[in-house]
Amino acid sequence: MKECIIHFDLQERNGEIEKLRGLVMIEEGKKPTAAQVLDMLDMMGYKAAIEDEDHYVFAPASGNSTFDKIVVKKMDAGEESFTPDPFLKAIAESMMEKNRRFL
């Protein structure tokens, strides 16, 4: 098992953004799953639900929460880090759709 530091933004309802970190244990050579990050958030006291599993975005699980959204910005497992990039994914998906049109 290996430690992975999760860097995330906590977007509060009043518009402020807090930059926070948490820790997830992962297997060597793997990246954390959205469910593992959700468990980390729960242990930190944030009751959240997965909103976008691919981009690691979480929404409040209840309406009386103090935060509006949690967005993972970076995952650091030491020598390797993973940063979800929604723009890169959107570009790749749009290019794939264009390629299908010509077939």
C-alpha atoms as a PDB file:
ATOM      1  CA  MET A   1       0.000   0.000   0.000  1.00  0.00           C
ATOM      2  CA  LYS A   2       1.072   3.517  -0.758  1.00  0.00           C
ATOM      3  CA  GLU A   3      -0.029   6.977   0.367  1.00  0.00           C
ATOM      4  CA  CYS A   4      -1.675   9.328  -2.119  1.00  0.00           C
ATOM      5  CA  ILE A   5      -2.267  12.962  -1.210  1.00  0.00           C
ATOM      6  CA  ILE A   6      -5.530  14.320  -2.621  1.00  0.00           C
ATOM      7  CA  HIS A   7      -5.527  18.084  -3.261  1.00  0.00           C
ATOM      8  CA  PHE A   8      -9.058  19.457  -3.566  1.00  0.00           C
ATOM      9  CA  ASP A   9     -11.019  22.690  -3.634  1.00  0.00           C
ATOM     10  CA  LEU A  10     -13.956  23.045  -1.277  1.00  0.00           C
ATOM     11  CA  GLN A  11     -16.357  25.540  -2.845  1.00  0.00           C
ATOM     12  CA  GLU A  12     -18.453  26.994  -0.047  1.00  0.00           C
ATOM     13  CA  ARG A  13     -21.991  28.312  -0.516  1.00  0.00           C
ATOM     14  CA  ASN A  14     -20.846  31.867   0.206  1.00  0.00           C
ATOM     15  CA  GLY A  15     -18.517  31.746  -2.841  1.00  0.00           C
ATOM     16  CA  GLU A  16     -15.251  31.209  -0.987  1.00  0.00           C
ATOM     17  CA  ILE A  17     -12.913  28.415  -2.040  1.00  0.00           C
ATOM     18  CA  GLU A  18     -10.740  26.544   0.438  1.00  0.00           C
ATOM     19  CA  LYS A  19      -7.762  24.567  -0.835  1.00  0.00           C
ATOM     20  CA  LEU A  20      -7.517  21.393   1.254  1.00  0.00           C
ATOM     21  CA  ARG A  21      -5.741  18.042   1.276  1.00  0.00           C
ATOM     22  CA  GLY A  22      -6.540  14.526   2.374  1.00  0.00           C
ATOM     23  CA  LEU A  23      -4.866  11.132   2.316  1.00  0.00           C
ATOM     24  CA  VAL A  24      -5.901   7.890   0.609  1.00  0.00           C
ATOM     25  CA  MET A  25      -4.072   4.564   0.690  1.00  0.00           C
ATOM     26  CA  ILE A  26      -3.726   2.984  -2.758  1.00  0.00           C
ATOM     27  CA  GLU A  27      -2.117  -0.075  -4.285  1.00  0.00           C
ATOM     28  CA  GLU A  28       1.220   0.407  -6.025  1.00  0.00           C
ATOM     29  CA  GLY A  29       0.760   1.639  -9.589  1.00  0.00           C
ATOM     30  CA  LYS A  30      -2.936   2.499  -9.236  1.00  0.00           C
ATOM     31  CA  LYS A  31      -4.787   5.776  -8.831  1.00  0.00           C
ATOM     32  CA  PRO A  32      -7.521   6.371  -6.241  1.00  0.00           C
ATOM     33  CA  THR A  33     -11.102   5.679  -7.244  1.00  0.00           C
ATOM     34  CA  ALA A  34     -13.871   8.209  -6.746  1.00  0.00           C
ATOM     35  CA  ALA A  35     -15.296   5.898  -4.066  1.00  0.00           C
ATOM     36  CA  GLN A  36     -11.991   5.986  -2.142  1.00  0.00           C
ATOM     37  CA  VAL A  37     -11.949   9.786  -2.312  1.00  0.00           C
ATOM     38  CA  LEU A  38     -15.585   9.835  -1.158  1.00  0.00           C
ATOM     39  CA  ASP A  39     -14.620   7.689   1.867  1.00  0.00           C
ATOM     40  CA  MET A  40     -11.769  10.118   2.634  1.00  0.00           C
ATOM     41  CA  LEU A  41     -14.161  13.075   2.479  1.00  0.00           C
ATOM     42  CA  ASP A  42     -16.588  11.255   4.780  1.00  0.00           C
ATOM     43  CA  MET A  43     -13.808  10.631   7.324  1.00  0.00           C
ATOM     44  CA  MET A  44     -12.990  14.348   7.139  1.00  0.00           C
ATOM     45  CA  GLY A  45     -16.609  15.179   8.008  1.00  0.00           C
ATOM     46  CA  TYR A  46     -17.874  16.163   4.548  1.00  0.00           C
ATOM     47  CA  LYS A  47     -21.071  14.313   3.698  1.00  0.00           C
ATOM     48  CA  ALA A  48     -20.860  14.207  -0.083  1.00  0.00           C
ATOM     49  CA  ALA A  49     -22.039  12.221  -3.087  1.00  0.00           C
ATOM     50  CA  ILE A  50     -20.254  11.562  -6.356  1.00  0.00           C
ATOM     51  CA  GLU A  51     -21.432  14.045  -8.999  1.00  0.00           C
ATOM     52  CA  ASP A  52     -18.898  13.299 -11.758  1.00  0.00           C
ATOM     53  CA  GLU A  53     -16.842  10.147 -11.248  1.00  0.00           C
ATOM     54  CA  ASP A  54     -14.509  10.767 -14.210  1.00  0.00           C
ATOM     55  CA  HIS A  55     -13.505  14.265 -13.069  1.00  0.00           C
ATOM     56  CA  TYR A  56     -13.662  13.610  -9.316  1.00  0.00           C
ATOM     57  CA  VAL A  57     -16.376  16.154  -8.566  1.00  0.00           C
ATOM     58  CA  PHE A  58     -18.523  15.749  -5.447  1.00  0.00           C
ATOM     59  CA  ALA A  59     -21.772  17.439  -4.401  1.00  0.00           C
ATOM     60  CA  PRO A  60     -23.344  17.707  -0.931  1.00  0.00           C
ATOM     61  CA  ALA A  61     -25.281  14.625   0.124  1.00  0.00           C
ATOM     62  CA  SER A  62     -27.841  16.779   1.946  1.00  0.00           C
ATOM     63  CA  GLY A  63     -29.345  20.208   1.399  1.00  0.00           C
ATOM     64  CA  ASN A  64     -28.164  21.586   4.740  1.00  0.00           C
ATOM     65  CA  SER A  65     -24.467  21.292   3.891  1.00  0.00           C
ATOM     66  CA  THR A  66     -22.138  24.289   4.177  1.00  0.00           C
ATOM     67  CA  PHE A  67     -20.365  23.538   0.895  1.00  0.00           C
ATOM     68  CA  ASP A  68     -21.565  23.729  -2.698  1.00  0.00           C
ATOM     69  CA  LYS A  69     -19.070  21.454  -4.447  1.00  0.00           C
ATOM     70  CA  ILE A  70     -15.781  19.604  -3.944  1.00  0.00           C
ATOM     71  CA  VAL A  71     -13.410  19.332  -6.911  1.00  0.00           C
ATOM     72  CA  VAL A  72     -10.231  17.241  -6.856  1.00  0.00           C
ATOM     73  CA  LYS A  73      -7.398  19.239  -8.427  1.00  0.00           C
ATOM     74  CA  LYS A  74      -4.437  16.886  -8.036  1.00  0.00           C
ATOM     75  CA  MET A  75      -3.533  13.428  -6.772  1.00  0.00           C
ATOM     76  CA  ASP A  76       0.052  12.970  -5.640  1.00  0.00           C
ATOM     77  CA  ALA A  77       1.396   9.482  -4.965  1.00  0.00           C
ATOM     78  CA  GLY A  78       5.049  10.533  -4.693  1.00  0.00           C
ATOM     79  CA  GLU A  79       6.812  10.005  -7.986  1.00  0.00           C
ATOM     80  CA  GLU A  80       3.607  10.101 -10.007  1.00  0.00           C
ATOM     81  CA  SER A  81       0.798  12.629  -9.867  1.00  0.00           C
ATOM     82  CA  PHE A  82      -2.556  12.612 -11.618  1.00  0.00           C
ATOM     83  CA  THR A  83      -4.500  15.743 -12.442  1.00  0.00           C
ATOM     84  CA  PRO A  84      -8.000  15.366 -13.856  1.00  0.00           C
ATOM     85  CA  ASP A  85      -8.292  17.671 -16.870  1.00  0.00           C
ATOM     86  CA  PRO A  86     -11.904  18.180 -17.955  1.00  0.00           C
ATOM     87  CA  PHE A  87     -10.898  20.332 -20.937  1.00  0.00           C
ATOM     88  CA  LEU A  88      -8.534  17.697 -22.333  1.00  0.00           C
ATOM     89  CA  LYS A  89     -11.206  15.032 -21.982  1.00  0.00           C
ATOM     90  CA  ALA A  90     -13.812  17.237 -23.698  1.00  0.00           C
ATOM     91  CA  ILE A  91     -11.439  17.889 -26.616  1.00  0.00           C
ATOM     92  CA  ALA A  92     -10.641  14.190 -26.975  1.00  0.00           C
ATOM     93  CA  GLU A  93     -14.328  13.243 -26.894  1.00  0.00           C
ATOM     94  CA  SER A  94     -15.228  15.852 -29.503  1.00  0.00           C
ATOM     95  CA  MET A  95     -12.442  14.625 -31.787  1.00  0.00           C
ATOM     96  CA  MET A  96     -13.612  11.036 -31.403  1.00  0.00           C
ATOM     97  CA  GLU A  97     -17.160  12.047 -32.325  1.00  0.00           C
ATOM     98  CA  LYS A  98     -15.909  13.823 -35.453  1.00  0.00           C
ATOM     99  CA  ASN A  99     -13.941  10.741 -36.517  1.00  0.00           C
ATOM    100  CA  ARG A 100     -17.058   8.568 -36.239  1.00  0.00           C
ATOM    101  CA  ARG A 101     -18.952  10.809 -38.661  1.00  0.00           C
ATOM    102  CA  PHE A 102     -16.616   9.950 -41.528  1.00  0.00           C
ATOM    103  CA  LEU A 103     -16.986   6.174 -41.170  1.00  0.00           C
END
